[in-house]
Amino acid sequence: MYAAVTVTLNRDEMERRRLEAAGDLLKGITQARVARKFGVSRTTASRWYRTLEGQGLERLRKRKAPGRPSRLSSTQRAEVREMFAAGPRAFGFETDRWTTARLAQAIEGRFAIRYDPDHVGRLMHRLGLRPKPAPALSAEPVRELYAIPSAGIEMQI
């Protein structure tokens, strides 16, 4: 039995693969051979062939990614980066720690665009924004005294 190797391609790599396969199909190479060469199913190679024959090479090119367009413009996204760098105190918060809820509130105040805090987390990730690590509570190690009454033993940890 053969082990399946999973390869994840980005949109540009998938388009390149389809176009190379289309070139082979136009040269008369069989769909089965194209499928083997590019590591796809015969059904996929057949679908590419039907698209190529019926709608042309351009139809095999990548199309705009599906999904709702961003409500923030690229300029506004750059401003969000600046807001994040300025810190939460610049927007009236009492501590220096950004949370997704706080950043959502700051974005709404600045741009009048309301985002759910969960979405702001995804937006932060997409923009490469990382919150600062939480400060350590104490530099001094915590020492506690434990007593084992039945044995009459006290231990300090």
C-alpha atoms as a PDB file:
ATOM      1  CA  MET A   1       0.000   0.000   0.000  1.00  0.00           C
ATOM      2  CA  TYR A   2       1.295   3.471  -0.873  1.00  0.00           C
ATOM      3  CA  ALA A   3       1.328   6.322   1.631  1.00  0.00           C
ATOM      4  CA  ALA A   4      -0.362   9.452   0.390  1.00  0.00           C
ATOM      5  CA  VAL A   5       1.767  12.578   0.505  1.00  0.00           C
ATOM      6  CA  THR A   6      -0.225  15.714   1.221  1.00  0.00           C
ATOM      7  CA  VAL A   7       1.109  18.860  -0.408  1.00  0.00           C
ATOM      8  CA  THR A   8      -0.534  22.199   0.204  1.00  0.00           C
ATOM      9  CA  LEU A   9      -0.200  24.663  -2.631  1.00  0.00           C
ATOM     10  CA  ASN A  10      -1.010  28.341  -2.538  1.00  0.00           C
ATOM     11  CA  ARG A  11      -3.266  29.921  -5.154  1.00  0.00           C
ATOM     12  CA  ASP A  12      -0.384  30.935  -7.434  1.00  0.00           C
ATOM     13  CA  GLU A  13       1.126  27.438  -7.362  1.00  0.00           C
ATOM     14  CA  MET A  14      -2.262  25.859  -8.140  1.00  0.00           C
ATOM     15  CA  GLU A  15      -2.694  28.198 -11.109  1.00  0.00           C
ATOM     16  CA  ARG A  16       0.807  27.380 -12.371  1.00  0.00           C
ATOM     17  CA  ARG A  17       0.034  23.649 -12.096  1.00  0.00           C
ATOM     18  CA  ARG A  18      -3.263  24.022 -14.011  1.00  0.00           C
ATOM     19  CA  LEU A  19      -1.599  26.026 -16.776  1.00  0.00           C
ATOM     20  CA  GLU A  20       1.287  23.554 -17.120  1.00  0.00           C
ATOM     21  CA  ALA A  21      -1.229  20.705 -17.242  1.00  0.00           C
ATOM     22  CA  ALA A  22      -3.217  22.609 -19.884  1.00  0.00           C
ATOM     23  CA  GLY A  23      -0.061  22.869 -21.983  1.00  0.00           C
ATOM     24  CA  ASP A  24       0.414  19.108 -21.749  1.00  0.00           C
ATOM     25  CA  LEU A  25      -3.234  18.451 -22.580  1.00  0.00           C
ATOM     26  CA  LEU A  26      -2.962  20.717 -25.650  1.00  0.00           C
ATOM     27  CA  LYS A  27       0.091  18.707 -26.767  1.00  0.00           C
ATOM     28  CA  GLY A  28      -2.099  15.602 -26.745  1.00  0.00           C
ATOM     29  CA  ILE A  29      -0.828  13.962 -23.569  1.00  0.00           C
ATOM     30  CA  THR A  30      -3.566  11.787 -22.063  1.00  0.00           C
ATOM     31  CA  GLN A  31      -5.594  12.933 -19.094  1.00  0.00           C
ATOM     32  CA  ALA A  32      -4.424   9.919 -17.065  1.00  0.00           C
ATOM     33  CA  ARG A  33      -0.774  10.747 -17.698  1.00  0.00           C
ATOM     34  CA  VAL A  34      -1.364  14.440 -16.832  1.00  0.00           C
ATOM     35  CA  ALA A  35      -3.089  13.368 -13.620  1.00  0.00           C
ATOM     36  CA  ARG A  36      -0.103  11.218 -12.623  1.00  0.00           C
ATOM     37  CA  LYS A  37       2.429  13.883 -13.571  1.00  0.00           C
ATOM     38  CA  PHE A  38       0.751  16.597 -11.502  1.00  0.00           C
ATOM     39  CA  GLY A  39      -0.413  14.412  -8.625  1.00  0.00           C
ATOM     40  CA  VAL A  40      -4.127  14.994  -9.106  1.00  0.00           C
ATOM     41  CA  SER A  41      -7.068  12.680  -9.685  1.00  0.00           C
ATOM     42  CA  ARG A  42      -8.121  11.720 -13.195  1.00  0.00           C
ATOM     43  CA  THR A  43     -11.398  13.502 -12.474  1.00  0.00           C
ATOM     44  CA  THR A  44      -9.498  16.740 -11.886  1.00  0.00           C
ATOM     45  CA  ALA A  45      -7.476  16.303 -15.087  1.00  0.00           C
ATOM     46  CA  SER A  46     -10.727  15.587 -16.955  1.00  0.00           C
ATOM     47  CA  ARG A  47     -12.331  18.718 -15.478  1.00  0.00           C
ATOM     48  CA  TRP A  48      -9.334  20.806 -16.572  1.00  0.00           C
ATOM     49  CA  TYR A  49      -9.581  19.326 -20.068  1.00  0.00           C
ATOM     50  CA  ARG A  50     -13.322  20.068 -20.342  1.00  0.00           C
ATOM     51  CA  THR A  51     -12.739  23.640 -19.146  1.00  0.00           C
ATOM     52  CA  LEU A  52      -9.863  24.097 -21.567  1.00  0.00           C
ATOM     53  CA  GLU A  53     -11.896  22.766 -24.513  1.00  0.00           C
ATOM     54  CA  GLY A  54     -15.137  24.544 -23.642  1.00  0.00           C
ATOM     55  CA  GLN A  55     -14.027  27.876 -22.190  1.00  0.00           C
ATOM     56  CA  GLY A  56     -10.359  28.286 -23.035  1.00  0.00           C
ATOM     57  CA  LEU A  57      -7.082  28.670 -21.224  1.00  0.00           C
ATOM     58  CA  GLU A  58      -8.071  31.894 -19.447  1.00  0.00           C
ATOM     59  CA  ARG A  59     -10.755  30.048 -17.503  1.00  0.00           C
ATOM     60  CA  LEU A  60      -8.041  27.929 -15.851  1.00  0.00           C
ATOM     61  CA  ARG A  61      -6.386  31.034 -14.422  1.00  0.00           C
ATOM     62  CA  LYS A  62      -7.045  31.876 -10.785  1.00  0.00           C
ATOM     63  CA  ARG A  63      -9.963  34.104 -10.039  1.00  0.00           C
ATOM     64  CA  LYS A  64     -10.454  36.606  -7.264  1.00  0.00           C
ATOM     65  CA  ALA A  65     -10.616  34.869  -3.904  1.00  0.00           C
ATOM     66  CA  PRO A  66     -14.152  34.424  -2.601  1.00  0.00           C
ATOM     67  CA  GLY A  67     -15.264  36.154   0.533  1.00  0.00           C
ATOM     68  CA  ARG A  68     -16.455  39.490   1.679  1.00  0.00           C
ATOM     69  CA  PRO A  69     -14.106  42.393   0.913  1.00  0.00           C
ATOM     70  CA  SER A  70     -12.464  44.080   3.894  1.00  0.00           C
ATOM     71  CA  ARG A  71     -14.341  47.012   5.359  1.00  0.00           C
ATOM     72  CA  LEU A  72     -11.000  48.671   6.149  1.00  0.00           C
ATOM     73  CA  SER A  73      -9.050  50.167   3.256  1.00  0.00           C
ATOM     74  CA  SER A  74      -5.323  49.490   2.954  1.00  0.00           C
ATOM     75  CA  THR A  75      -4.672  52.980   4.365  1.00  0.00           C
ATOM     76  CA  GLN A  76      -6.919  52.243   7.340  1.00  0.00           C
ATOM     77  CA  ARG A  77      -5.185  48.889   7.920  1.00  0.00           C
ATOM     78  CA  ALA A  78      -1.861  50.764   8.027  1.00  0.00           C
ATOM     79  CA  GLU A  79      -3.436  53.125  10.579  1.00  0.00           C
ATOM     80  CA  VAL A  80      -4.530  50.125  12.674  1.00  0.00           C
ATOM     81  CA  ARG A  81      -0.865  49.069  12.795  1.00  0.00           C
ATOM     82  CA  GLU A  82       0.030  52.567  13.999  1.00  0.00           C
ATOM     83  CA  MET A  83      -2.767  52.477  16.570  1.00  0.00           C
ATOM     84  CA  PHE A  84      -1.476  49.150  17.858  1.00  0.00           C
ATOM     85  CA  ALA A  85       2.072  50.530  18.111  1.00  0.00           C
ATOM     86  CA  ALA A  86       0.817  53.624  19.977  1.00  0.00           C
ATOM     87  CA  GLY A  87      -0.642  51.361  22.638  1.00  0.00           C
ATOM     88  CA  PRO A  88      -3.993  51.204  24.397  1.00  0.00           C
ATOM     89  CA  ARG A  89      -3.295  54.161  26.716  1.00  0.00           C
ATOM     90  CA  ALA A  90      -3.333  56.457  23.668  1.00  0.00           C
ATOM     91  CA  PHE A  91      -6.980  55.455  23.222  1.00  0.00           C
ATOM     92  CA  GLY A  92      -8.069  55.978  26.814  1.00  0.00           C
ATOM     93  CA  PHE A  93      -7.478  52.517  28.267  1.00  0.00           C
ATOM     94  CA  GLU A  94      -5.909  52.230  31.705  1.00  0.00           C
ATOM     95  CA  THR A  95      -3.300  49.565  30.975  1.00  0.00           C
ATOM     96  CA  ASP A  96      -0.714  48.904  28.282  1.00  0.00           C
ATOM     97  CA  ARG A  97      -2.216  45.590  27.182  1.00  0.00           C
ATOM     98  CA  TRP A  98      -4.193  45.333  23.946  1.00  0.00           C
ATOM     99  CA  THR A  99      -7.050  42.865  23.897  1.00  0.00           C
ATOM    100  CA  THR A 100      -9.125  42.095  20.849  1.00  0.00           C
ATOM    101  CA  ALA A 101     -12.113  43.793  22.507  1.00  0.00           C
ATOM    102  CA  ARG A 102     -10.084  46.948  23.163  1.00  0.00           C
ATOM    103  CA  LEU A 103      -8.705  47.087  19.639  1.00  0.00           C
ATOM    104  CA  ALA A 104     -12.224  46.540  18.273  1.00  0.00           C
ATOM    105  CA  GLN A 105     -13.401  49.485  20.382  1.00  0.00           C
ATOM    106  CA  ALA A 106     -10.499  51.672  19.159  1.00  0.00           C
ATOM    107  CA  ILE A 107     -11.196  50.743  15.508  1.00  0.00           C
ATOM    108  CA  GLU A 108     -14.869  51.603  15.948  1.00  0.00           C
ATOM    109  CA  GLY A 109     -13.980  54.928  17.569  1.00  0.00           C
ATOM    110  CA  ARG A 110     -11.491  55.836  14.834  1.00  0.00           C
ATOM    111  CA  PHE A 111     -13.218  54.556  11.683  1.00  0.00           C
ATOM    112  CA  ALA A 112     -16.858  53.985  12.743  1.00  0.00           C
ATOM    113  CA  ILE A 113     -16.475  50.338  11.678  1.00  0.00           C
ATOM    114  CA  ARG A 114     -17.688  47.768  14.180  1.00  0.00           C
ATOM    115  CA  TYR A 115     -15.855  44.454  14.354  1.00  0.00           C
ATOM    116  CA  ASP A 116     -16.467  41.474  16.605  1.00  0.00           C
ATOM    117  CA  PRO A 117     -13.476  40.891  18.920  1.00  0.00           C
ATOM    118  CA  ASP A 118     -13.011  37.402  17.408  1.00  0.00           C
ATOM    119  CA  HIS A 119     -12.624  38.970  13.970  1.00  0.00           C
ATOM    120  CA  VAL A 120     -10.187  41.545  15.355  1.00  0.00           C
ATOM    121  CA  GLY A 121      -8.027  38.627  16.483  1.00  0.00           C
ATOM    122  CA  ARG A 122      -7.927  37.375  12.880  1.00  0.00           C
ATOM    123  CA  LEU A 123      -7.240  40.916  11.649  1.00  0.00           C
ATOM    124  CA  MET A 124      -4.360  41.262  14.133  1.00  0.00           C
ATOM    125  CA  HIS A 125      -2.929  37.976  12.897  1.00  0.00           C
ATOM    126  CA  ARG A 126      -3.244  39.045   9.255  1.00  0.00           C
ATOM    127  CA  LEU A 127      -1.521  42.368  10.013  1.00  0.00           C
ATOM    128  CA  GLY A 128       1.256  40.642  11.954  1.00  0.00           C
ATOM    129  CA  LEU A 129       0.332  42.313  15.243  1.00  0.00           C
ATOM    130  CA  ARG A 130       1.243  40.429  18.383  1.00  0.00           C
ATOM    131  CA  PRO A 131       0.317  41.535  21.872  1.00  0.00           C
ATOM    132  CA  LYS A 132       3.159  41.970  24.340  1.00  0.00           C
ATOM    133  CA  PRO A 133       3.579  39.041  26.709  1.00  0.00           C
ATOM    134  CA  ALA A 134       1.829  39.478  30.044  1.00  0.00           C
ATOM    135  CA  PRO A 135       4.186  40.843  32.682  1.00  0.00           C
ATOM    136  CA  ALA A 136       5.425  38.423  35.306  1.00  0.00           C
ATOM    137  CA  LEU A 137       3.566  38.774  38.575  1.00  0.00           C
ATOM    138  CA  SER A 138       6.661  38.785  40.724  1.00  0.00           C
ATOM    139  CA  ALA A 139      10.375  38.412  40.209  1.00  0.00           C
ATOM    140  CA  GLU A 140      10.587  36.838  43.683  1.00  0.00           C
ATOM    141  CA  PRO A 141       9.821  33.103  43.748  1.00  0.00           C
ATOM    142  CA  VAL A 142       6.748  32.162  45.733  1.00  0.00           C
ATOM    143  CA  ARG A 143       7.572  30.187  48.862  1.00  0.00           C
ATOM    144  CA  GLU A 144       4.897  28.410  50.793  1.00  0.00           C
ATOM    145  CA  LEU A 145       4.987  26.445  53.991  1.00  0.00           C
ATOM    146  CA  TYR A 146       3.278  23.086  53.843  1.00  0.00           C
ATOM    147  CA  ALA A 147       2.579  21.126  56.974  1.00  0.00           C
ATOM    148  CA  ILE A 148       1.763  17.463  57.194  1.00  0.00           C
ATOM    149  CA  PRO A 149       0.002  17.347  60.584  1.00  0.00           C
ATOM    150  CA  SER A 150      -0.148  13.582  60.947  1.00  0.00           C
ATOM    151  CA  ALA A 151       3.600  13.228  60.554  1.00  0.00           C
ATOM    152  CA  GLY A 152       4.585  16.395  62.441  1.00  0.00           C
ATOM    153  CA  ILE A 153       6.656  17.516  59.406  1.00  0.00           C
ATOM    154  CA  GLU A 154       6.836  21.025  57.961  1.00  0.00           C
ATOM    155  CA  MET A 155       8.292  21.599  54.487  1.00  0.00           C
ATOM    156  CA  GLN A 156       9.137  24.890  52.800  1.00  0.00           C
ATOM    157  CA  ILE A 157       8.898  24.984  49.022  1.00  0.00           C
END
